Amino acid sequence: MIAIRNLSMRLSSGGREVSILDDITFEVPAKQFLAIVGPSGSGKSTLLGLIAGMDAPTSGTIALDGRDITSLPEDELARLRREKVGYVFQSFHLIPTLTARENVAVPLELAGDPEADGKADALLRAVGLEARGQHYPAQLSGGEQQRVAVARAFANRPAILLADEPTGNLDTATGQQVIDLLIRLNRDHGSTLVLVTHDPALAAYADRVVRLLDGRIASDELRASAPGTPP
């Protein structure tokens, strides 16, 4: 589903070149739950953004479902993201002038789905927010906003679901609700889940854990029996 080959990312800073990622190579098969962990500055979020096609690498390739996204023009890349990729940000990134229901409906409307409103309502029910659909982001708690963000990311039933520190701004109990939701989408709907986290408790649920250190893969652990969805 995801194939990364010799991926490097370098940026200029203060007149010198800084290596963010250095010769990263790995694959993520369909339906796997992969956690990417590592200390701050190890390149985790940069790697996730590259997988989403939000930035271009300095060198190397990324293929999603057999298509090399590093060579796609922007319009084709945007279409591929819309059809195959859902992205959950740590800071929610909801549109403040739209209600929860309208936020969830946005990707459906962009895809030209005539049933966008009905599907948005169904998604809000699935994340336990059917009574909050007409509320604006400022009227929702952090946990509710993140659940709306997850529903929006899953609106088009993407084959790939990416999440960048999805519980980073939440308390423990609320974060657990978001974890449960993401795992359920992976287990029940077969979405490939790639998640960046500092939280070892969250990483423990993954089928596989890749640890980054200084922009390189320090370890790649395939877990024999990851725990299922927490009670």
C-alpha atoms as a PDB file:
ATOM      1  CA  MET A   1       0.000   0.000   0.000  1.00  0.00           C
ATOM      2  CA  ILE A   2       2.843   2.421   0.917  1.00  0.00           C
ATOM      3  CA  ALA A   3       6.354   1.946  -0.489  1.00  0.00           C
ATOM      4  CA  ILE A   4       9.159   4.317   0.509  1.00  0.00           C
ATOM      5  CA  ARG A   5      12.550   4.043  -1.185  1.00  0.00           C
ATOM      6  CA  ASN A   6      15.779   5.884  -0.263  1.00  0.00           C
ATOM      7  CA  LEU A   7      13.838   8.880   1.003  1.00  0.00           C
ATOM      8  CA  SER A   8      15.826  11.924   2.110  1.00  0.00           C
ATOM      9  CA  MET A   9      14.780  15.414   3.113  1.00  0.00           C
ATOM     10  CA  ARG A  10      17.222  18.284   3.525  1.00  0.00           C
ATOM     11  CA  LEU A  11      16.550  21.931   4.286  1.00  0.00           C
ATOM     12  CA  SER A  12      18.731  25.038   4.282  1.00  0.00           C
ATOM     13  CA  SER A  13      19.112  26.750   7.636  1.00  0.00           C
ATOM     14  CA  GLY A  14      21.489  29.580   8.461  1.00  0.00           C
ATOM     15  CA  GLY A  15      23.426  29.091   5.270  1.00  0.00           C
ATOM     16  CA  ARG A  16      23.992  25.367   5.798  1.00  0.00           C
ATOM     17  CA  GLU A  17      22.115  22.244   4.789  1.00  0.00           C
ATOM     18  CA  VAL A  18      20.319  20.321   7.535  1.00  0.00           C
ATOM     19  CA  SER A  19      19.354  16.684   7.066  1.00  0.00           C
ATOM     20  CA  ILE A  20      15.826  15.961   8.362  1.00  0.00           C
ATOM     21  CA  LEU A  21      15.485  12.446   6.907  1.00  0.00           C
ATOM     22  CA  ASP A  22      18.334  10.334   5.585  1.00  0.00           C
ATOM     23  CA  ASP A  23      17.886   7.349   3.246  1.00  0.00           C
ATOM     24  CA  ILE A  24      14.605   5.992   4.661  1.00  0.00           C
ATOM     25  CA  THR A  25      13.333   2.769   3.092  1.00  0.00           C
ATOM     26  CA  PHE A  26      10.365   0.655   4.211  1.00  0.00           C
ATOM     27  CA  GLU A  27       6.957  -0.607   3.082  1.00  0.00           C
ATOM     28  CA  VAL A  28       3.570  -0.625   4.786  1.00  0.00           C
ATOM     29  CA  PRO A  29       1.207  -3.363   3.575  1.00  0.00           C
ATOM     30  CA  ALA A  30      -2.533  -2.801   3.276  1.00  0.00           C
ATOM     31  CA  LYS A  31      -4.521  -2.769   6.551  1.00  0.00           C
ATOM     32  CA  GLN A  32      -1.446  -2.576   8.785  1.00  0.00           C
ATOM     33  CA  PHE A  33      -1.382  -0.267  11.815  1.00  0.00           C
ATOM     34  CA  LEU A  34       2.091   1.290  11.899  1.00  0.00           C
ATOM     35  CA  ALA A  35       3.261   3.607  14.686  1.00  0.00           C
ATOM     36  CA  ILE A  36       6.214   5.901  13.973  1.00  0.00           C
ATOM     37  CA  VAL A  37       7.956   6.909  17.186  1.00  0.00           C
ATOM     38  CA  GLY A  38      11.108   8.748  18.215  1.00  0.00           C
ATOM     39  CA  PRO A  39      12.283  11.844  20.077  1.00  0.00           C
ATOM     40  CA  SER A  40      11.377  15.377  19.038  1.00  0.00           C
ATOM     41  CA  GLY A  41      13.331  16.398  15.956  1.00  0.00           C
ATOM     42  CA  SER A  42      13.785  12.840  14.703  1.00  0.00           C
ATOM     43  CA  GLY A  43      11.786  13.524  11.520  1.00  0.00           C
ATOM     44  CA  LYS A  44       8.493  11.785  12.384  1.00  0.00           C
ATOM     45  CA  SER A  45       6.073  14.515  11.349  1.00  0.00           C
ATOM     46  CA  THR A  46       8.161  15.378   8.294  1.00  0.00           C
ATOM     47  CA  LEU A  47       7.956  11.755   7.164  1.00  0.00           C
ATOM     48  CA  LEU A  48       4.183  11.656   7.658  1.00  0.00           C
ATOM     49  CA  GLY A  49       3.746  14.870   5.686  1.00  0.00           C
ATOM     50  CA  LEU A  50       5.812  13.460   2.833  1.00  0.00           C
ATOM     51  CA  ILE A  51       3.691  10.289   2.778  1.00  0.00           C
ATOM     52  CA  ALA A  52       0.621  12.528   2.503  1.00  0.00           C
ATOM     53  CA  GLY A  53       2.171  14.411  -0.408  1.00  0.00           C
ATOM     54  CA  MET A  54       2.088  17.673   1.545  1.00  0.00           C
ATOM     55  CA  ASP A  55       5.735  18.296   0.711  1.00  0.00           C
ATOM     56  CA  ALA A  56       8.280  16.934  -1.765  1.00  0.00           C
ATOM     57  CA  PRO A  57      11.401  15.031  -0.660  1.00  0.00           C
ATOM     58  CA  THR A  58      14.909  16.054  -1.647  1.00  0.00           C
ATOM     59  CA  SER A  59      15.454  12.576  -3.089  1.00  0.00           C
ATOM     60  CA  GLY A  60      13.870   9.149  -3.100  1.00  0.00           C
ATOM     61  CA  THR A  61      10.364   7.977  -3.923  1.00  0.00           C
ATOM     62  CA  ILE A  62       7.024   7.391  -2.199  1.00  0.00           C
ATOM     63  CA  ALA A  63       4.392   5.176  -3.828  1.00  0.00           C
ATOM     64  CA  LEU A  64       0.795   4.982  -2.616  1.00  0.00           C
ATOM     65  CA  ASP A  65      -1.132   2.015  -3.941  1.00  0.00           C
ATOM     66  CA  GLY A  66       1.422   1.590  -6.716  1.00  0.00           C
ATOM     67  CA  ARG A  67       1.580   5.247  -7.810  1.00  0.00           C
ATOM     68  CA  ASP A  68       4.751   7.270  -7.307  1.00  0.00           C
ATOM     69  CA  ILE A  69       3.443  10.491  -5.769  1.00  0.00           C
ATOM     70  CA  THR A  70       6.817  12.227  -5.974  1.00  0.00           C
ATOM     71  CA  SER A  71       6.423  12.524  -9.746  1.00  0.00           C
ATOM     72  CA  LEU A  72       2.758  13.559  -9.900  1.00  0.00           C
ATOM     73  CA  PRO A  73       1.679  17.068 -10.929  1.00  0.00           C
ATOM     74  CA  GLU A  74      -0.167  18.951  -8.186  1.00  0.00           C
ATOM     75  CA  ASP A  75      -3.675  18.452  -9.591  1.00  0.00           C
ATOM     76  CA  GLU A  76      -3.238  14.665  -9.825  1.00  0.00           C
ATOM     77  CA  LEU A  77      -1.634  14.588  -6.392  1.00  0.00           C
ATOM     78  CA  ALA A  78      -4.581  16.498  -4.913  1.00  0.00           C
ATOM     79  CA  ARG A  79      -6.997  14.037  -6.524  1.00  0.00           C
ATOM     80  CA  LEU A  80      -5.060  11.054  -5.184  1.00  0.00           C
ATOM     81  CA  ARG A  81      -5.019  12.539  -1.675  1.00  0.00           C
ATOM     82  CA  ARG A  82      -8.751  13.215  -1.858  1.00  0.00           C
ATOM     83  CA  GLU A  83      -9.523   9.674  -2.972  1.00  0.00           C
ATOM     84  CA  LYS A  84      -7.056   7.614  -0.939  1.00  0.00           C
ATOM     85  CA  VAL A  85      -5.685   9.559   2.046  1.00  0.00           C
ATOM     86  CA  GLY A  86      -7.241  10.859   5.260  1.00  0.00           C
ATOM     87  CA  TYR A  87      -5.130  13.044   7.577  1.00  0.00           C
ATOM     88  CA  VAL A  88      -5.687  13.799  11.259  1.00  0.00           C
ATOM     89  CA  PHE A  89      -3.705  16.755  12.643  1.00  0.00           C
ATOM     90  CA  GLN A  90      -2.690  17.252  16.263  1.00  0.00           C
ATOM     91  CA  SER A  91      -4.246  20.727  16.278  1.00  0.00           C
ATOM     92  CA  PHE A  92      -7.539  19.594  14.665  1.00  0.00           C
ATOM     93  CA  HIS A  93      -7.470  22.095  11.713  1.00  0.00           C
ATOM     94  CA  LEU A  94     -11.240  22.409  11.595  1.00  0.00           C
ATOM     95  CA  ILE A  95     -12.696  25.327   9.622  1.00  0.00           C
ATOM     96  CA  PRO A  96     -13.923  27.701  12.373  1.00  0.00           C
ATOM     97  CA  THR A  97     -16.765  29.214  10.339  1.00  0.00           C
ATOM     98  CA  LEU A  98     -18.322  25.816   9.563  1.00  0.00           C
ATOM     99  CA  THR A  99     -20.347  23.605  11.889  1.00  0.00           C
ATOM    100  CA  ALA A 100     -19.144  20.132  12.852  1.00  0.00           C
ATOM    101  CA  ARG A 101     -21.448  18.627  10.248  1.00  0.00           C
ATOM    102  CA  GLU A 102     -20.248  21.036   7.554  1.00  0.00           C
ATOM    103  CA  ASN A 103     -16.597  20.311   8.401  1.00  0.00           C
ATOM    104  CA  VAL A 104     -17.167  16.582   7.953  1.00  0.00           C
ATOM    105  CA  ALA A 105     -19.091  17.157   4.712  1.00  0.00           C
ATOM    106  CA  VAL A 106     -16.305  19.219   3.074  1.00  0.00           C
ATOM    107  CA  PRO A 107     -14.304  16.302   1.560  1.00  0.00           C
ATOM    108  CA  LEU A 108     -17.533  14.637   0.427  1.00  0.00           C
ATOM    109  CA  GLU A 109     -18.691  17.811  -1.297  1.00  0.00           C
ATOM    110  CA  LEU A 110     -15.287  18.264  -2.945  1.00  0.00           C
ATOM    111  CA  ALA A 111     -15.649  14.739  -4.310  1.00  0.00           C
ATOM    112  CA  GLY A 112     -19.060  15.663  -5.728  1.00  0.00           C
ATOM    113  CA  ASP A 113     -20.984  13.279  -3.493  1.00  0.00           C
ATOM    114  CA  PRO A 114     -24.717  14.134  -3.702  1.00  0.00           C
ATOM    115  CA  GLU A 115     -25.291  12.464  -0.312  1.00  0.00           C
ATOM    116  CA  ALA A 116     -22.649  14.515   1.517  1.00  0.00           C
ATOM    117  CA  ASP A 117     -24.975  15.809   4.250  1.00  0.00           C
ATOM    118  CA  GLY A 118     -26.484  12.423   5.053  1.00  0.00           C
ATOM    119  CA  LYS A 119     -23.079  10.748   5.141  1.00  0.00           C
ATOM    120  CA  ALA A 120     -21.711  13.517   7.368  1.00  0.00           C
ATOM    121  CA  ASP A 121     -24.554  12.885   9.819  1.00  0.00           C
ATOM    122  CA  ALA A 122     -23.801   9.144   9.791  1.00  0.00           C
ATOM    123  CA  LEU A 123     -20.114   9.809  10.451  1.00  0.00           C
ATOM    124  CA  LEU A 124     -20.923  12.078  13.381  1.00  0.00           C
ATOM    125  CA  ARG A 125     -23.128   9.322  14.808  1.00  0.00           C
ATOM    126  CA  ALA A 126     -20.232   6.895  14.400  1.00  0.00           C
ATOM    127  CA  VAL A 127     -17.975   9.108  16.530  1.00  0.00           C
ATOM    128  CA  GLY A 128     -20.688   9.802  19.095  1.00  0.00           C
ATOM    129  CA  LEU A 129     -21.380  13.407  18.129  1.00  0.00           C
ATOM    130  CA  GLU A 130     -24.779  13.217  16.467  1.00  0.00           C
ATOM    131  CA  ALA A 131     -26.104  15.840  18.914  1.00  0.00           C
ATOM    132  CA  ARG A 132     -23.273  18.282  18.186  1.00  0.00           C
ATOM    133  CA  GLY A 133     -23.528  18.539  14.414  1.00  0.00           C
ATOM    134  CA  GLN A 134     -24.790  22.130  14.404  1.00  0.00           C
ATOM    135  CA  HIS A 135     -22.110  23.375  16.801  1.00  0.00           C
ATOM    136  CA  TYR A 136     -19.080  25.342  15.629  1.00  0.00           C
ATOM    137  CA  PRO A 137     -15.528  24.243  16.595  1.00  0.00           C
ATOM    138  CA  ALA A 138     -15.265  26.967  19.270  1.00  0.00           C
ATOM    139  CA  GLN A 139     -18.338  25.438  20.951  1.00  0.00           C
ATOM    140  CA  LEU A 140     -16.758  21.954  21.125  1.00  0.00           C
ATOM    141  CA  SER A 141     -14.259  20.529  23.587  1.00  0.00           C
ATOM    142  CA  GLY A 142     -10.808  19.493  22.381  1.00  0.00           C
ATOM    143  CA  GLY A 143     -11.825  15.838  22.342  1.00  0.00           C
ATOM    144  CA  GLU A 144     -14.978  16.607  20.390  1.00  0.00           C
ATOM    145  CA  GLN A 145     -13.025  18.644  17.854  1.00  0.00           C
ATOM    146  CA  GLN A 146     -10.566  15.789  17.371  1.00  0.00           C
ATOM    147  CA  ARG A 147     -13.411  13.303  16.874  1.00  0.00           C
ATOM    148  CA  VAL A 148     -14.881  15.628  14.237  1.00  0.00           C
ATOM    149  CA  ALA A 149     -11.424  15.753  12.618  1.00  0.00           C
ATOM    150  CA  VAL A 150     -11.257  11.944  12.577  1.00  0.00           C
ATOM    151  CA  ALA A 151     -14.737  11.737  11.049  1.00  0.00           C
ATOM    152  CA  ARG A 152     -13.697  14.260   8.377  1.00  0.00           C
ATOM    153  CA  ALA A 153     -10.492  12.336   7.619  1.00  0.00           C
ATOM    154  CA  PHE A 154     -12.521   9.162   7.152  1.00  0.00           C
ATOM    155  CA  ALA A 155     -15.343  10.779   5.166  1.00  0.00           C
ATOM    156  CA  ASN A 156     -14.305   9.319   1.809  1.00  0.00           C
ATOM    157  CA  ARG A 157     -13.362   5.949   3.357  1.00  0.00           C
ATOM    158  CA  PRO A 158      -9.674   6.409   2.472  1.00  0.00           C
ATOM    159  CA  ALA A 159      -7.455   3.397   1.997  1.00  0.00           C
ATOM    160  CA  ILE A 160      -4.759   5.209   4.013  1.00  0.00           C
ATOM    161  CA  LEU A 161      -5.365   7.053   7.283  1.00  0.00           C
ATOM    162  CA  LEU A 162      -2.505   9.228   8.603  1.00  0.00           C
ATOM    163  CA  ALA A 163      -2.490  10.748  12.091  1.00  0.00           C
ATOM    164  CA  ASP A 164       0.091  13.152  13.531  1.00  0.00           C
ATOM    165  CA  GLU A 165       0.100  13.080  17.356  1.00  0.00           C
ATOM    166  CA  PRO A 166      -3.719  12.772  17.393  1.00  0.00           C
ATOM    167  CA  THR A 167      -3.884  12.684  21.206  1.00  0.00           C
ATOM    168  CA  GLY A 168      -1.144  15.254  21.850  1.00  0.00           C
ATOM    169  CA  ASN A 169      -3.544  18.067  22.843  1.00  0.00           C
ATOM    170  CA  LEU A 170      -5.981  15.880  24.801  1.00  0.00           C
ATOM    171  CA  ASP A 171      -6.251  14.651  28.358  1.00  0.00           C
ATOM    172  CA  THR A 172      -5.773  10.942  29.025  1.00  0.00           C
ATOM    173  CA  ALA A 173      -9.445   9.922  29.056  1.00  0.00           C
ATOM    174  CA  THR A 174     -10.352  11.923  25.956  1.00  0.00           C
ATOM    175  CA  GLY A 175      -7.220  10.746  24.169  1.00  0.00           C
ATOM    176  CA  GLN A 176      -8.245   7.163  24.841  1.00  0.00           C
ATOM    177  CA  GLN A 177     -11.566   7.773  23.069  1.00  0.00           C
ATOM    178  CA  VAL A 178      -9.701   9.017  19.983  1.00  0.00           C
ATOM    179  CA  ILE A 179      -7.320   6.038  20.124  1.00  0.00           C
ATOM    180  CA  ASP A 180     -10.278   3.641  20.277  1.00  0.00           C
ATOM    181  CA  LEU A 181     -11.854   5.362  17.279  1.00  0.00           C
ATOM    182  CA  LEU A 182      -8.723   5.229  15.110  1.00  0.00           C
ATOM    183  CA  ILE A 183      -8.121   1.566  15.938  1.00  0.00           C
ATOM    184  CA  ARG A 184     -11.735   0.734  15.120  1.00  0.00           C
ATOM    185  CA  LEU A 185     -11.428   2.387  11.704  1.00  0.00           C
ATOM    186  CA  ASN A 186      -8.282   0.348  11.059  1.00  0.00           C
ATOM    187  CA  ARG A 187      -9.685  -2.964  12.326  1.00  0.00           C
ATOM    188  CA  ASP A 188     -13.287  -2.741  11.111  1.00  0.00           C
ATOM    189  CA  HIS A 189     -12.872  -0.886   7.826  1.00  0.00           C
ATOM    190  CA  GLY A 190      -9.421  -2.063   6.760  1.00  0.00           C
ATOM    191  CA  SER A 191      -7.818   1.348   6.416  1.00  0.00           C
ATOM    192  CA  THR A 192      -4.032   1.279   6.554  1.00  0.00           C
ATOM    193  CA  LEU A 193      -3.182   3.392   9.618  1.00  0.00           C
ATOM    194  CA  VAL A 194       0.129   5.238   9.980  1.00  0.00           C
ATOM    195  CA  LEU A 195       0.369   7.193  13.193  1.00  0.00           C
ATOM    196  CA  VAL A 196       3.083   9.432  14.639  1.00  0.00           C
ATOM    197  CA  THR A 197       3.188   9.512  18.431  1.00  0.00           C
ATOM    198  CA  HIS A 198       5.328  10.207  21.489  1.00  0.00           C
ATOM    199  CA  ASP A 199       2.969   8.060  23.574  1.00  0.00           C
ATOM    200  CA  PRO A 200       4.277   4.519  24.202  1.00  0.00           C
ATOM    201  CA  ALA A 201       0.811   3.423  25.362  1.00  0.00           C
ATOM    202  CA  LEU A 202      -0.625   4.375  21.966  1.00  0.00           C
ATOM    203  CA  ALA A 203       2.262   2.803  20.043  1.00  0.00           C
ATOM    204  CA  ALA A 204       1.666  -0.426  21.972  1.00  0.00           C
ATOM    205  CA  TYR A 205      -1.588  -0.981  20.054  1.00  0.00           C
ATOM    206  CA  ALA A 206       0.187  -0.974  16.676  1.00  0.00           C
ATOM    207  CA  ASP A 207       0.967  -4.039  14.575  1.00  0.00           C
ATOM    208  CA  ARG A 208       4.400  -2.556  13.918  1.00  0.00           C
ATOM    209  CA  VAL A 209       6.598   0.164  15.397  1.00  0.00           C
ATOM    210  CA  VAL A 210       9.252   2.066  13.423  1.00  0.00           C
ATOM    211  CA  ARG A 211      11.569   4.173  15.575  1.00  0.00           C
ATOM    212  CA  LEU A 212      13.369   7.156  14.060  1.00  0.00           C
ATOM    213  CA  LEU A 213      16.524   8.696  15.471  1.00  0.00           C
ATOM    214  CA  ASP A 214      18.299  11.640  13.831  1.00  0.00           C
ATOM    215  CA  GLY A 215      16.366  11.142  10.609  1.00  0.00           C
ATOM    216  CA  ARG A 216      17.214   7.452  10.232  1.00  0.00           C
ATOM    217  CA  ILE A 217      15.382   4.241  11.055  1.00  0.00           C
ATOM    218  CA  ALA A 218      16.817   3.046  14.370  1.00  0.00           C
ATOM    219  CA  SER A 219      14.541   0.000  14.663  1.00  0.00           C
ATOM    220  CA  ASP A 220      11.615  -1.656  12.877  1.00  0.00           C
ATOM    221  CA  GLU A 221       9.627  -4.015  15.095  1.00  0.00           C
ATOM    222  CA  LEU A 222       6.821  -6.203  13.770  1.00  0.00           C
ATOM    223  CA  ARG A 223       4.743  -7.193  16.748  1.00  0.00           C
ATOM    224  CA  ALA A 224       3.591 -10.815  16.811  1.00  0.00           C
ATOM    225  CA  SER A 225       0.313 -10.030  18.545  1.00  0.00           C
ATOM    226  CA  ALA A 226      -0.584  -6.415  19.083  1.00  0.00           C
ATOM    227  CA  PRO A 227      -3.502  -5.876  21.468  1.00  0.00           C
ATOM    228  CA  GLY A 228      -6.904  -5.287  19.970  1.00  0.00           C
ATOM    229  CA  THR A 229      -9.170  -2.339  20.475  1.00  0.00           C
ATOM    230  CA  PRO A 230      -9.046  -1.368  24.145  1.00  0.00           C
ATOM    231  CA  PRO A 231     -12.218  -1.916  26.173  1.00  0.00           C
END
